[in-house]
Amino acid sequence: MSTVLIIEDEPKVAKFIQRGLSAEGFVSDIASTGSEGLRMAFEKPYDVITVDLMLPGTDGYSVIQELKSKQSDASILILSAKDTLDDKLKGFRLGSDDYLAKPFAFEELVARINAIIRRRSIANTDPTKITFEDVVIDISSRSVTRGERKVDLTNMEFKLLEYLVRNAGKACSRADIAAAVWQESFDRETNIVDVYMMYLRKKIDHPNELPLIQTVRAVGYMVGSPS
């Protein structure tokens, strides 16, 4: 049974989420402040932690930074009324796994939590192979197949695909992609991510196949469909 920690200072919102998650089979706890959320997160293991950004005292960004600095194993989903691109990019840079703006449909929240848990499950299986749909990435041999088709990739294309598949279902910003694949800060004046994404798409997505890589407007790219 999956566990969720809800860090939310609005009691009605927190209880609404908790009741809904309970009906879906999740076990959840509520923390009304950032400091309380951090204490609970380190006292008990959670699969997913939802974090509001505008918390009293220790804000949501600080909570995420603290969780990541102390290597919390929980996945993080930001739930916030702050919905600008800069807010989202900051959340992803700090290490959040997904970002859902308020107000939101509860069905979408559940879908995103389930997608995060699926990604966790994939990451915890065979460490030498990563799979998504009909794509198999063999880390040890540096080979890629899609169905029965072998896909020949350059080193950078391989790293790019590996990053996207490891984050399947998550919208990955260009800044995060650049930092993960090229290990450098993202220069807004360069289009290196877009260029390599074009190369990768030509190889991984053939005309007779469902597109694997999706463009997420105003954010970046993702593998699969939005959660």
Foldseek 3Di string as FASTA:
>chain_A
DAEEEEAAQPVVVVVVLCVVVVVVPYHYYYHNALVRSLVVCVVDPHQEYEAEQPGPDQGRLNSLLVCVVVPRNHAYEYEYQPDDLVVQVSCVVSPHLAYDYPPDDSVLVVVLSVVSSVLVVQCPPDVQWGDDDQWIQGNVVRWIARNPRTFDDDPLLSQLVVVQRSSAQHQAAPQNSCCRRVVDGDDPVDPVVVVSVVVNQPGPPDPVDDRQKDADPSGGIHGDDHD
